[in-house]
């Protein structure tokens, strides 16, 4: 079975679960060098970032 993190491509919208258990969505910016994770741009004034790894990815929506 394929992992959700393997389906992520640049520009996709990715929903993850943060450390508090809340679902948050961001845009995939680049692949991280650590364990095949992706760096997400969560938006905001200064471009808040988050990591999408195998354990916290809930949904991947492809770029149109």
PDB file of N, CA and C in Angstrom:
ATOM      1  N   UNK A   1       0.842  -1.186   0.000  1.00  0.00           N
ATOM      2  CA  UNK A   1       0.000   0.000   0.000  1.00  0.00           C
ATOM      3  C   UNK A   1       0.884   1.246   0.000  1.00  0.00           C
ATOM      4  N   UNK A   2       0.564   2.186  -0.851  1.00  0.00           N
ATOM      5  CA  UNK A   2       1.364   3.403  -0.980  1.00  0.00           C
ATOM      6  C   UNK A   2       1.066   4.371   0.162  1.00  0.00           C
ATOM      7  N   UNK A   3       2.097   5.052   0.619  1.00  0.00           N
ATOM      8  CA  UNK A   3       1.934   6.048   1.664  1.00  0.00           C
ATOM      9  C   UNK A   3       1.410   7.339   1.049  1.00  0.00           C
ATOM     10  N   UNK A   4       0.625   8.094   1.802  1.00  0.00           N
ATOM     11  CA  UNK A   4       0.085   9.365   1.312  1.00  0.00           C
ATOM     12  C   UNK A   4       1.199  10.361   1.022  1.00  0.00           C
ATOM     13  N   UNK A   5       2.252  10.334   1.824  1.00  0.00           N
ATOM     14  CA  UNK A   5       3.341  11.291   1.643  1.00  0.00           C
ATOM     15  C   UNK A   5       4.044  11.070   0.294  1.00  0.00           C
ATOM     16  N   UNK A   6       3.986   9.863  -0.255  1.00  0.00           N
ATOM     17  CA  UNK A   6       4.601   9.592  -1.555  1.00  0.00           C
ATOM     18  C   UNK A   6       3.791  10.170  -2.709  1.00  0.00           C
ATOM     19  N   UNK A   7       2.521  10.494  -2.481  1.00  0.00           N
ATOM     20  CA  UNK A   7       1.663  11.061  -3.524  1.00  0.00           C
ATOM     21  C   UNK A   7       1.774  12.577  -3.624  1.00  0.00           C
ATOM     22  N   UNK A   8       2.450  13.217  -2.671  1.00  0.00           N
ATOM     23  CA  UNK A   8       2.549  14.676  -2.644  1.00  0.00           C
ATOM     24  C   UNK A   8       3.491  15.157  -3.731  1.00  0.00           C
ATOM     25  N   UNK A   9       3.076  16.196  -4.435  1.00  0.00           N
ATOM     26  CA  UNK A   9       3.895  16.869  -5.441  1.00  0.00           C
ATOM     27  C   UNK A   9       3.878  18.369  -5.155  1.00  0.00           C
ATOM     28  N   UNK A  10       4.811  19.085  -5.737  1.00  0.00           N
ATOM     29  CA  UNK A  10       4.924  20.535  -5.550  1.00  0.00           C
ATOM     30  C   UNK A  10       3.608  21.214  -5.926  1.00  0.00           C
ATOM     31  N   UNK A  11       3.082  22.051  -5.052  1.00  0.00           N
ATOM     32  CA  UNK A  11       1.867  22.806  -5.319  1.00  0.00           C
ATOM     33  C   UNK A  11       0.592  22.157  -4.809  1.00  0.00           C
ATOM     34  N   UNK A  12       0.645  20.912  -4.365  1.00  0.00           N
ATOM     35  CA  UNK A  12      -0.541  20.219  -3.850  1.00  0.00           C
ATOM     36  C   UNK A  12      -0.945  20.802  -2.500  1.00  0.00           C
ATOM     37  N   UNK A  13      -2.255  20.723  -2.211  1.00  0.00           N
ATOM     38  CA  UNK A  13      -2.743  21.079  -0.884  1.00  0.00           C
ATOM     39  C   UNK A  13      -2.694  19.832  -0.026  1.00  0.00           C
ATOM     40  N   UNK A  14      -2.103  19.965   1.158  1.00  0.00           N
ATOM     41  CA  UNK A  14      -1.904  18.825   2.041  1.00  0.00           C
ATOM     42  C   UNK A  14      -2.507  19.145   3.407  1.00  0.00           C
ATOM     43  N   UNK A  15      -3.327  18.225   3.914  1.00  0.00           N
ATOM     44  CA  UNK A  15      -3.905  18.365   5.244  1.00  0.00           C
ATOM     45  C   UNK A  15      -3.155  17.434   6.189  1.00  0.00           C
ATOM     46  N   UNK A  16      -2.699  18.008   7.315  1.00  0.00           N
ATOM     47  CA  UNK A  16      -1.967  17.229   8.312  1.00  0.00           C
ATOM     48  C   UNK A  16      -2.623  17.412   9.679  1.00  0.00           C
ATOM     49  N   UNK A  17      -2.246  16.569  10.616  1.00  0.00           N
ATOM     50  CA  UNK A  17      -2.677  16.710  12.002  1.00  0.00           C
ATOM     51  C   UNK A  17      -1.494  17.258  12.789  1.00  0.00           C
ATOM     52  N   UNK A  18      -1.696  18.404  13.459  1.00  0.00           N
ATOM     53  CA  UNK A  18      -0.596  18.995  14.221  1.00  0.00           C
ATOM     54  C   UNK A  18      -0.445  18.310  15.576  1.00  0.00           C
ATOM     55  N   UNK A  19       0.453  18.807  16.391  1.00  0.00           N
ATOM     56  CA  UNK A  19       0.760  18.166  17.677  1.00  0.00           C
ATOM     57  C   UNK A  19      -0.404  18.225  18.652  1.00  0.00           C
ATOM     58  N   UNK A  20      -1.336  19.149  18.451  1.00  0.00           N
ATOM     59  CA  UNK A  20      -2.504  19.262  19.327  1.00  0.00           C
ATOM     60  C   UNK A  20      -3.697  18.461  18.830  1.00  0.00           C
ATOM     61  N   UNK A  21      -3.544  17.783  17.682  1.00  0.00           N
ATOM     62  CA  UNK A  21      -4.627  16.983  17.130  1.00  0.00           C
ATOM     63  C   UNK A  21      -5.547  17.746  16.197  1.00  0.00           C
ATOM     64  N   UNK A  22      -5.203  18.979  15.839  1.00  0.00           N
ATOM     65  CA  UNK A  22      -6.015  19.809  14.961  1.00  0.00           C
ATOM     66  C   UNK A  22      -5.597  19.595  13.506  1.00  0.00           C
ATOM     67  N   UNK A  23      -6.580  19.499  12.600  1.00  0.00           N
ATOM     68  CA  UNK A  23      -6.282  19.353  11.173  1.00  0.00           C
ATOM     69  C   UNK A  23      -6.014  20.728  10.575  1.00  0.00           C
ATOM     70  N   UNK A  24      -4.864  20.852   9.889  1.00  0.00           N
ATOM     71  CA  UNK A  24      -4.492  22.105   9.244  1.00  0.00           C
ATOM     72  C   UNK A  24      -4.052  21.800   7.811  1.00  0.00           C
ATOM     73  N   UNK A  25      -4.274  22.774   6.930  1.00  0.00           N
ATOM     74  CA  UNK A  25      -3.983  22.582   5.509  1.00  0.00           C
ATOM     75  C   UNK A  25      -2.978  23.617   5.034  1.00  0.00           C
ATOM     76  N   UNK A  26      -2.041  23.160   4.208  1.00  0.00           N
ATOM     77  CA  UNK A  26      -1.045  24.039   3.628  1.00  0.00           C
ATOM     78  C   UNK A  26      -0.671  23.566   2.234  1.00  0.00           C
ATOM     79  N   UNK A  27       0.151  24.360   1.559  1.00  0.00           N
ATOM     80  CA  UNK A  27       0.571  24.040   0.203  1.00  0.00           C
ATOM     81  C   UNK A  27       1.991  23.483   0.219  1.00  0.00           C
ATOM     82  N   UNK A  28       2.207  22.386  -0.508  1.00  0.00           N
ATOM     83  CA  UNK A  28       3.530  21.757  -0.573  1.00  0.00           C
ATOM     84  C   UNK A  28       4.487  22.652  -1.345  1.00  0.00           C
ATOM     85  N   UNK A  29       5.606  22.980  -0.717  1.00  0.00           N
ATOM     86  CA  UNK A  29       6.580  23.895  -1.309  1.00  0.00           C
ATOM     87  C   UNK A  29       7.796  23.149  -1.826  1.00  0.00           C
ATOM     88  N   UNK A  30       8.381  22.295  -0.990  1.00  0.00           N
ATOM     89  CA  UNK A  30       9.567  21.553  -1.421  1.00  0.00           C
ATOM     90  C   UNK A  30       9.730  20.301  -0.566  1.00  0.00           C
ATOM     91  N   UNK A  31      10.465  19.353  -1.106  1.00  0.00           N
ATOM     92  CA  UNK A  31      10.738  18.113  -0.386  1.00  0.00           C
ATOM     93  C   UNK A  31      11.882  18.353   0.587  1.00  0.00           C
ATOM     94  N   UNK A  32      11.680  17.929   1.803  1.00  0.00           N
ATOM     95  CA  UNK A  32      12.698  18.093   2.833  1.00  0.00           C
ATOM     96  C   UNK A  32      13.727  16.974   2.723  1.00  0.00           C
ATOM     97  N   UNK A  33      14.915  17.227   3.218  1.00  0.00           N
ATOM     98  CA  UNK A  33      15.958  16.210   3.163  1.00  0.00           C
ATOM     99  C   UNK A  33      15.813  15.180   4.277  1.00  0.00           C
ATOM    100  N   UNK A  34      14.929  15.442   5.233  1.00  0.00           N
ATOM    101  CA  UNK A  34      14.798  14.501   6.356  1.00  0.00           C
ATOM    102  C   UNK A  34      13.646  13.527   6.153  1.00  0.00           C
ATOM    103  N   UNK A  35      13.953  12.264   6.049  1.00  0.00           N
ATOM    104  CA  UNK A  35      12.999  11.165   6.015  1.00  0.00           C
ATOM    105  C   UNK A  35      11.895  11.293   4.971  1.00  0.00           C
ATOM    106  N   UNK A  36      12.121  11.967   3.885  1.00  0.00           N
ATOM    107  CA  UNK A  36      11.116  12.058   2.837  1.00  0.00           C
ATOM    108  C   UNK A  36       9.914  12.905   3.188  1.00  0.00           C
ATOM    109  N   UNK A  37      10.077  13.867   4.067  1.00  0.00           N
ATOM    110  CA  UNK A  37       8.987  14.768   4.442  1.00  0.00           C
ATOM    111  C   UNK A  37       8.872  15.904   3.426  1.00  0.00           C
ATOM    112  N   UNK A  38       7.753  16.606   3.464  1.00  0.00           N
ATOM    113  CA  UNK A  38       7.541  17.780   2.623  1.00  0.00           C
ATOM    114  C   UNK A  38       7.382  19.010   3.498  1.00  0.00           C
ATOM    115  N   UNK A  39       7.911  20.138   3.040  1.00  0.00           N
ATOM    116  CA  UNK A  39       7.739  21.416   3.722  1.00  0.00           C
ATOM    117  C   UNK A  39       6.461  22.043   3.188  1.00  0.00           C
ATOM    118  N   UNK A  40       5.584  22.470   4.098  1.00  0.00           N
ATOM    119  CA  UNK A  40       4.314  23.088   3.718  1.00  0.00           C
ATOM    120  C   UNK A  40       4.321  24.562   4.063  1.00  0.00           C
ATOM    121  N   UNK A  41       3.743  25.374   3.176  1.00  0.00           N
ATOM    122  CA  UNK A  41       3.510  26.786   3.457  1.00  0.00           C
ATOM    123  C   UNK A  41       2.101  26.871   4.012  1.00  0.00           C
ATOM    124  N   UNK A  42       1.981  27.249   5.276  1.00  0.00           N
ATOM    125  CA  UNK A  42       0.690  27.303   5.931  1.00  0.00           C
ATOM    126  C   UNK A  42       0.023  28.668   5.786  1.00  0.00           C
ATOM    127  N   UNK A  43       0.660  29.583   5.101  1.00  0.00           N
ATOM    128  CA  UNK A  43       0.095  30.920   4.905  1.00  0.00           C
ATOM    129  C   UNK A  43       0.474  31.848   6.039  1.00  0.00           C
ATOM    130  N   UNK A  44      -0.262  32.921   6.149  1.00  0.00           N
ATOM    131  CA  UNK A  44       0.018  33.889   7.209  1.00  0.00           C
ATOM    132  C   UNK A  44       0.936  34.989   6.722  1.00  0.00           C
ATOM    133  N   UNK A  45       1.102  35.972   7.542  1.00  0.00           N
ATOM    134  CA  UNK A  45       1.870  37.163   7.183  1.00  0.00           C
ATOM    135  C   UNK A  45       3.330  36.859   6.859  1.00  0.00           C
ATOM    136  N   UNK A  46       3.931  35.938   7.594  1.00  0.00           N
ATOM    137  CA  UNK A  46       5.347  35.652   7.397  1.00  0.00           C
ATOM    138  C   UNK A  46       5.616  34.268   6.820  1.00  0.00           C
ATOM    139  N   UNK A  47       4.595  33.602   6.291  1.00  0.00           N
ATOM    140  CA  UNK A  47       4.776  32.304   5.652  1.00  0.00           C
ATOM    141  C   UNK A  47       5.121  31.204   6.631  1.00  0.00           C
ATOM    142  N   UNK A  48       4.239  30.955   7.587  1.00  0.00           N
ATOM    143  CA  UNK A  48       4.445  29.892   8.571  1.00  0.00           C
ATOM    144  C   UNK A  48       4.650  28.561   7.856  1.00  0.00           C
ATOM    145  N   UNK A  49       5.549  27.738   8.378  1.00  0.00           N
ATOM    146  CA  UNK A  49       5.843  26.458   7.746  1.00  0.00           C
ATOM    147  C   UNK A  49       5.470  25.291   8.662  1.00  0.00           C
ATOM    148  N   UNK A  50       5.313  24.118   8.049  1.00  0.00           N
ATOM    149  CA  UNK A  50       5.057  22.880   8.780  1.00  0.00           C
ATOM    150  C   UNK A  50       5.648  21.742   7.963  1.00  0.00           C
ATOM    151  N   UNK A  51       5.838  20.596   8.598  1.00  0.00           N
ATOM    152  CA  UNK A  51       6.353  19.411   7.911  1.00  0.00           C
ATOM    153  C   UNK A  51       5.256  18.371   7.762  1.00  0.00           C
ATOM    154  N   UNK A  52       5.140  17.829   6.565  1.00  0.00           N
ATOM    155  CA  UNK A  52       4.208  16.734   6.293  1.00  0.00           C
ATOM    156  C   UNK A  52       5.029  15.464   6.158  1.00  0.00           C
ATOM    157  N   UNK A  53       4.934  14.590   7.159  1.00  0.00           N
ATOM    158  CA  UNK A  53       5.646  13.313   7.155  1.00  0.00           C
ATOM    159  C   UNK A  53       4.641  12.175   7.091  1.00  0.00           C
ATOM    160  N   UNK A  54       5.128  10.983   7.005  1.00  0.00           N
ATOM    161  CA  UNK A  54       4.265   9.816   6.866  1.00  0.00           C
ATOM    162  C   UNK A  54       3.244   9.688   7.996  1.00  0.00           C
ATOM    163  N   UNK A  55       3.602  10.050   9.203  1.00  0.00           N
ATOM    164  CA  UNK A  55       2.725   9.851  10.341  1.00  0.00           C
ATOM    165  C   UNK A  55       1.621  10.870  10.522  1.00  0.00           C
ATOM    166  N   UNK A  56       1.704  12.045   9.873  1.00  0.00           N
ATOM    167  CA  UNK A  56       0.712  13.078  10.137  1.00  0.00           C
ATOM    168  C   UNK A  56      -0.104  13.512   8.922  1.00  0.00           C
ATOM    169  N   UNK A  57       0.087  12.931   7.768  1.00  0.00           N
ATOM    170  CA  UNK A  57      -0.667  13.322   6.567  1.00  0.00           C
ATOM    171  C   UNK A  57      -2.037  12.668   6.593  1.00  0.00           C
ATOM    172  N   UNK A  58      -3.088  13.500   6.403  1.00  0.00           N
ATOM    173  CA  UNK A  58      -4.453  13.010   6.392  1.00  0.00           C
ATOM    174  C   UNK A  58      -5.028  12.980   4.983  1.00  0.00           C
ATOM    175  N   UNK A  59      -4.750  14.043   4.192  1.00  0.00           N
ATOM    176  CA  UNK A  59      -5.357  14.171   2.861  1.00  0.00           C
ATOM    177  C   UNK A  59      -4.424  14.938   1.935  1.00  0.00           C
ATOM    178  N   UNK A  60      -4.434  14.538   0.667  1.00  0.00           N
ATOM    179  CA  UNK A  60      -3.643  15.215  -0.364  1.00  0.00           C
ATOM    180  C   UNK A  60      -4.597  15.592  -1.495  1.00  0.00           C
ATOM    181  N   UNK A  61      -4.698  16.906  -1.789  1.00  0.00           N
ATOM    182  CA  UNK A  61      -5.516  17.374  -2.905  1.00  0.00           C
ATOM    183  C   UNK A  61      -4.587  17.852  -4.005  1.00  0.00           C
ATOM    184  N   UNK A  62      -4.733  17.289  -5.180  1.00  0.00           N
ATOM    185  CA  UNK A  62      -3.845  17.619  -6.292  1.00  0.00           C
ATOM    186  C   UNK A  62      -4.051  19.053  -6.779  1.00  0.00           C
ATOM    187  N   UNK A  63      -2.957  19.628  -7.280  1.00  0.00           N
ATOM    188  CA  UNK A  63      -2.970  20.972  -7.861  1.00  0.00           C
ATOM    189  C   UNK A  63      -3.790  20.942  -9.141  1.00  0.00           C
ATOM    190  N   UNK A  64      -4.553  21.968  -9.385  1.00  0.00           N
ATOM    191  CA  UNK A  64      -5.377  22.029 -10.613  1.00  0.00           C
ATOM    192  C   UNK A  64      -4.565  22.491 -11.785  1.00  0.00           C
TER     193      UNK A  64
END
